Amino acid sequence: MEAGGGEELTIRTAVWNVQWKPRNSPAGKELCHRILAQRPQIICLTEAYENFAAETGYAISSGPDYGYQALPGRRKVLLWSPSPWSSIEQLGSPKLPSGRFVSGITQTSIGPLCVIGVCIPWRSAHVTTGQRNRRPWEDHKAYLEGLKEVIELLDDTPTIVVGDFNLRIPRRQAPIDVYARMEDAFGERFEIATRGLSFNGSASIDHIAINQRLRCVEVNTLNNIANDGTKLSDHFGVTATVTLAQT
């Protein structure tokens, strides 16, 4: 949001895996309310219907084919901004498993921002469900290899990588080599702003990473428990407020 009185300009990003909740369902309505209450300039939704984004503004999404039989309108990654998008990309790298990547550039109160939305496959993707032709962590590692290629080709534009990483940071139970691939993919150019973030004793697997052109001001979680005690989603939401780094 835009600050006044000479204060620092910041933007807030919100990310939430909404677990395929329809926008007009009771859970979907409450998820929308809790997200929009943060007044984010960038929203990343994973496992969402295309129409879940705000009724105003502009949304872009990953491709529809993520290797599983899916209902119409479902997308693994959805990005929303109040401003139009340019340089929209759904492939990223040929190494990336399909349907789990979207990126674009949008205008914000701190200037042009490159946003990369990801949904990194979980450890058992296509192991016992879907195509059933993978080993545990195989698609996850392939995605990290492709993401590394994407990151290495980035220019100096302020950039965030946001979405469902399906990995706790710092490492908990993931294999050491998998975690090392993640750290290698982001390298020294990116800081994972949500490192160590948790809610109700659970570490986040949804993350926001920023390049060196940006500085994180604040990170927070969004409660995934409804007022009646039921879960709105099996993920809690995450927000990060960032500003331009001083040069």
Protein backbone atom coordinates (compact mmCIF):
# COMPACT_ATOMS: atom_id res chain seq x y z
CA MET A 1 0.00 0.00 0.00
CA GLU A 2 1.10 3.54 -0.54
CA ALA A 3 2.35 5.42 2.48
CA GLY A 4 1.95 9.14 3.07
CA GLY A 5 3.78 11.86 4.91
CA GLY A 6 7.20 10.84 3.59
CA GLU A 7 6.93 7.33 5.03
CA GLU A 8 8.49 4.33 3.35
CA LEU A 9 6.50 2.81 0.49
CA THR A 10 5.65 -0.85 1.01
CA ILE A 11 3.56 -3.56 -0.60
CA ARG A 12 1.96 -6.57 1.03
CA THR A 13 1.85 -10.01 -0.55
CA ALA A 14 -0.53 -12.74 0.61
CA VAL A 15 -0.27 -16.43 -0.25
CA TRP A 16 -2.73 -19.17 0.63
CA ASN A 17 -3.39 -22.71 -0.56
CA VAL A 18 -7.19 -22.62 -0.53
CA GLN A 19 -7.57 -26.38 -1.10
CA TRP A 20 -9.99 -26.07 -4.05
CA LYS A 21 -12.64 -24.24 -2.03
CA PRO A 22 -15.24 -22.64 -4.37
CA ARG A 23 -15.36 -18.87 -4.00
CA ASN A 24 -19.06 -18.84 -3.08
CA SER A 25 -18.87 -21.65 -0.52
CA PRO A 26 -18.92 -20.67 3.19
CA ALA A 27 -15.21 -21.51 3.51
CA GLY A 28 -14.37 -19.74 0.26
CA LYS A 29 -16.17 -16.56 1.30
CA GLU A 30 -14.33 -16.51 4.62
CA LEU A 31 -10.97 -17.16 2.96
CA CYS A 32 -11.61 -14.25 0.58
CA HIS A 33 -12.59 -12.02 3.49
CA ARG A 34 -9.44 -12.84 5.48
CA ILE A 35 -7.17 -12.36 2.45
CA LEU A 36 -8.69 -9.05 1.33
CA ALA A 37 -8.70 -7.73 4.90
CA GLN A 38 -4.89 -7.60 4.58
CA ARG A 39 -5.21 -5.16 1.67
CA PRO A 40 -2.55 -7.00 -0.35
CA GLN A 41 -1.24 -5.64 -3.63
CA ILE A 42 -0.17 -9.13 -4.69
CA ILE A 43 -2.16 -12.29 -4.00
CA CYS A 44 -0.94 -15.81 -4.77
CA LEU A 45 -3.46 -18.62 -4.45
CA THR A 46 -2.59 -22.26 -4.94
CA GLU A 47 -5.04 -25.09 -5.59
CA ALA A 48 -7.68 -22.55 -6.54
CA TYR A 49 -10.44 -22.03 -9.07
CA GLU A 50 -9.77 -19.36 -11.69
CA ASN A 51 -12.68 -17.24 -10.43
CA PHE A 52 -11.47 -17.25 -6.82
CA ALA A 53 -9.46 -14.03 -7.23
CA ALA A 54 -10.96 -10.65 -6.39
CA GLU A 55 -13.74 -9.46 -8.69
CA THR A 56 -11.72 -6.37 -9.57
CA GLY A 57 -8.11 -6.30 -10.69
CA TYR A 58 -6.23 -8.72 -12.91
CA ALA A 59 -5.46 -12.43 -12.51
CA ILE A 60 -3.10 -14.76 -14.34
CA SER A 61 -2.78 -18.49 -13.78
CA SER A 62 -0.70 -21.56 -14.52
CA GLY A 63 -1.76 -23.89 -17.31
CA PRO A 64 -4.64 -26.33 -16.69
CA ASP A 65 -2.64 -29.56 -17.15
CA TYR A 66 -0.78 -30.51 -13.98
CA GLY A 67 -0.79 -34.23 -14.67
CA TYR A 68 -3.92 -35.18 -12.75
CA GLN A 69 -7.51 -35.45 -13.92
CA ALA A 70 -8.92 -32.09 -12.85
CA LEU A 71 -12.29 -30.37 -12.71
CA PRO A 72 -12.76 -27.43 -15.14
CA GLY A 73 -11.41 -24.12 -13.87
CA ARG A 74 -8.93 -25.56 -11.38
CA ARG A 75 -5.43 -24.11 -11.41
CA LYS A 76 -2.43 -24.98 -9.29
CA VAL A 77 -1.25 -21.34 -9.17
CA LEU A 78 -3.13 -18.05 -9.48
CA LEU A 79 -1.62 -14.55 -9.21
CA TRP A 80 -3.68 -11.39 -8.69
CA SER A 81 -2.77 -7.71 -8.86
CA PRO A 82 -4.85 -4.51 -9.03
CA SER A 83 -2.76 -3.57 -12.09
CA PRO A 84 -2.43 -5.37 -15.44
CA TRP A 85 0.25 -7.99 -16.03
CA SER A 86 2.90 -8.07 -18.74
CA SER A 87 5.61 -10.60 -19.73
CA ILE A 88 3.30 -13.44 -18.68
CA GLU A 89 4.94 -16.87 -18.71
CA GLN A 90 3.45 -20.30 -17.95
CA LEU A 91 6.39 -22.52 -18.90
CA GLY A 92 9.38 -21.04 -17.09
CA SER A 93 11.69 -23.95 -17.90
CA PRO A 94 11.16 -27.21 -19.81
CA LYS A 95 12.36 -29.00 -16.66
CA LEU A 96 9.37 -27.78 -14.64
CA PRO A 97 6.49 -30.25 -14.23
CA SER A 98 3.58 -28.73 -16.17
CA GLY A 99 0.76 -26.63 -14.78
CA ARG A 100 2.54 -25.40 -11.66
CA PHE A 101 4.19 -22.13 -12.70
CA VAL A 102 3.11 -18.66 -13.73
CA SER A 103 5.01 -15.39 -13.75
CA GLY A 104 4.47 -11.82 -14.83
CA ILE A 105 5.37 -8.21 -14.19
CA THR A 106 2.90 -5.79 -12.64
CA GLN A 107 3.02 -2.17 -11.54
CA THR A 108 2.95 -1.54 -7.79
CA SER A 109 3.39 1.42 -5.46
CA ILE A 110 7.13 0.65 -5.32
CA GLY A 111 7.41 0.33 -9.11
CA PRO A 112 7.48 -2.64 -11.51
CA LEU A 113 7.52 -5.98 -9.71
CA CYS A 114 8.26 -9.40 -11.19
CA VAL A 115 6.16 -12.07 -9.48
CA ILE A 116 6.82 -15.79 -9.88
CA GLY A 117 4.02 -18.03 -8.62
CA VAL A 118 4.91 -21.64 -7.85
CA CYS A 119 3.30 -24.82 -6.62
CA ILE A 120 6.18 -27.22 -6.07
CA PRO A 121 4.98 -30.86 -6.15
CA TRP A 122 4.67 -32.60 -2.81
CA ARG A 123 6.87 -35.58 -2.02
CA SER A 124 4.37 -38.19 -3.29
CA ALA A 125 3.25 -36.48 -6.50
CA HIS A 126 2.45 -39.23 -9.05
CA VAL A 127 3.81 -41.91 -6.70
CA THR A 128 0.63 -43.65 -5.49
CA THR A 129 -1.90 -41.39 -7.24
CA GLY A 130 -2.08 -39.70 -10.65
CA GLN A 131 0.29 -41.29 -13.16
CA ARG A 132 1.92 -43.54 -10.53
CA ASN A 133 5.25 -43.56 -12.34
CA ARG A 134 7.44 -41.49 -10.01
CA ARG A 135 9.61 -42.10 -7.00
CA PRO A 136 9.11 -40.05 -3.79
CA TRP A 137 10.40 -36.49 -4.21
CA GLU A 138 11.14 -37.05 -7.95
CA ASP A 139 8.84 -34.31 -9.26
CA HIS A 140 9.78 -32.03 -6.38
CA LYS A 141 13.47 -32.25 -7.26
CA ALA A 142 12.75 -31.80 -10.97
CA TYR A 143 10.81 -28.65 -10.18
CA LEU A 144 13.67 -27.22 -8.13
CA GLU A 145 16.06 -27.86 -11.03
CA GLY A 146 13.75 -25.98 -13.37
CA LEU A 147 13.22 -23.16 -10.87
CA LYS A 148 16.98 -22.76 -10.55
CA GLU A 149 17.17 -22.19 -14.31
CA VAL A 150 14.42 -19.58 -14.10
CA ILE A 151 16.13 -17.74 -11.25
CA GLU A 152 19.52 -17.76 -12.96
CA LEU A 153 18.03 -15.97 -15.97
CA LEU A 154 16.34 -13.19 -13.98
CA ASP A 155 17.48 -9.61 -14.46
CA ASP A 156 17.77 -6.96 -11.75
CA THR A 157 14.03 -6.18 -11.53
CA PRO A 158 12.60 -6.36 -7.98
CA THR A 159 11.28 -9.93 -7.83
CA ILE A 160 9.35 -12.20 -5.49
CA VAL A 161 8.86 -15.95 -5.71
CA VAL A 162 5.68 -16.92 -3.92
CA GLY A 163 3.52 -19.98 -3.47
CA ASP A 164 3.34 -23.49 -2.06
CA PHE A 165 6.90 -24.79 -1.68
CA ASN A 166 5.76 -28.06 -0.04
CA LEU A 167 8.87 -27.79 2.12
CA ARG A 168 9.45 -26.59 5.65
CA ILE A 169 12.22 -24.02 5.99
CA PRO A 170 14.49 -24.61 7.86
CA ARG A 171 14.56 -28.34 7.13
CA ARG A 172 12.65 -30.74 9.32
CA GLN A 173 11.91 -34.13 7.75
CA ALA A 174 12.75 -33.61 4.08
CA PRO A 175 15.80 -35.49 2.77
CA ILE A 176 19.01 -33.49 3.03
CA ASP A 177 19.60 -33.59 -0.72
CA VAL A 178 16.11 -32.23 -1.43
CA TYR A 179 16.60 -29.35 0.97
CA ALA A 180 20.03 -28.65 -0.49
CA ARG A 181 18.48 -28.38 -3.97
CA MET A 182 16.06 -25.77 -2.67
CA GLU A 183 18.83 -23.69 -1.11
CA ASP A 184 20.87 -24.03 -4.30
CA ALA A 185 17.92 -22.97 -6.49
CA PHE A 186 17.56 -19.65 -4.67
CA GLY A 187 21.27 -19.17 -4.08
CA GLU A 188 22.55 -15.91 -2.66
CA ARG A 189 20.30 -13.70 -4.80
CA PHE A 190 17.14 -14.49 -2.84
CA GLU A 191 16.14 -14.37 0.81
CA ILE A 192 13.25 -16.55 1.95
CA ALA A 193 11.35 -14.01 4.03
CA THR A 194 9.08 -16.63 5.58
CA ARG A 195 11.92 -18.83 6.86
CA GLY A 196 10.97 -20.23 10.27
CA LEU A 197 7.36 -19.00 10.12
CA SER A 198 4.81 -21.17 11.96
CA PHE A 199 1.22 -21.14 13.19
CA ASN A 200 -0.24 -23.20 16.03
CA GLY A 201 2.96 -25.26 16.15
CA SER A 202 2.98 -26.08 12.43
CA ALA A 203 5.80 -24.78 10.23
CA SER A 204 4.77 -23.11 7.01
CA ILE A 205 5.22 -24.81 3.65
CA ASP A 206 3.90 -21.70 1.86
CA HIS A 207 6.66 -19.15 1.36
CA ILE A 208 7.64 -15.78 -0.04
CA ALA A 209 11.19 -15.24 -1.30
CA ILE A 210 12.56 -11.84 -2.32
CA ASN A 211 15.59 -10.84 -4.35
CA GLN A 212 18.24 -8.37 -3.27
CA ARG A 213 16.34 -5.41 -4.71
CA LEU A 214 13.78 -5.84 -1.92
CA ARG A 215 13.80 -5.81 1.88
CA CYS A 216 11.26 -7.55 4.10
CA VAL A 217 9.58 -5.35 6.70
CA GLU A 218 7.17 -7.84 8.30
CA VAL A 219 5.78 -11.36 7.94
CA ASN A 220 2.55 -12.71 9.43
CA THR A 221 0.24 -15.71 9.33
CA LEU A 222 -3.48 -15.89 8.54
CA ASN A 223 -5.66 -18.10 10.70
CA ASN A 224 -7.10 -21.10 8.84
CA ILE A 225 -9.61 -21.96 11.58
CA ALA A 226 -13.18 -20.74 11.08
CA ASN A 227 -15.21 -19.25 13.90
CA ASP A 228 -17.03 -22.58 14.32
CA GLY A 229 -13.73 -24.42 14.77
CA THR A 230 -13.61 -26.09 11.36
CA LYS A 231 -10.63 -25.74 9.02
CA LEU A 232 -11.03 -23.33 6.12
CA SER A 233 -8.04 -25.01 4.45
CA ASP A 234 -5.37 -27.50 5.44
CA HIS A 235 -2.87 -24.62 5.03
CA PHE A 236 -2.73 -21.39 6.98
CA GLY A 237 -2.15 -18.18 5.07
CA VAL A 238 1.06 -16.15 4.94
CA THR A 239 1.73 -12.47 4.30
CA ALA A 240 4.91 -10.46 3.81
CA THR A 241 5.33 -6.71 3.64
CA VAL A 242 8.31 -5.58 1.57
CA THR A 243 9.93 -2.38 0.39
CA LEU A 244 12.75 -1.49 -1.96
CA ALA A 245 16.18 -2.19 -0.55
CA GLN A 246 18.47 0.79 -0.15
CA THR A 247 21.17 0.91 -2.79
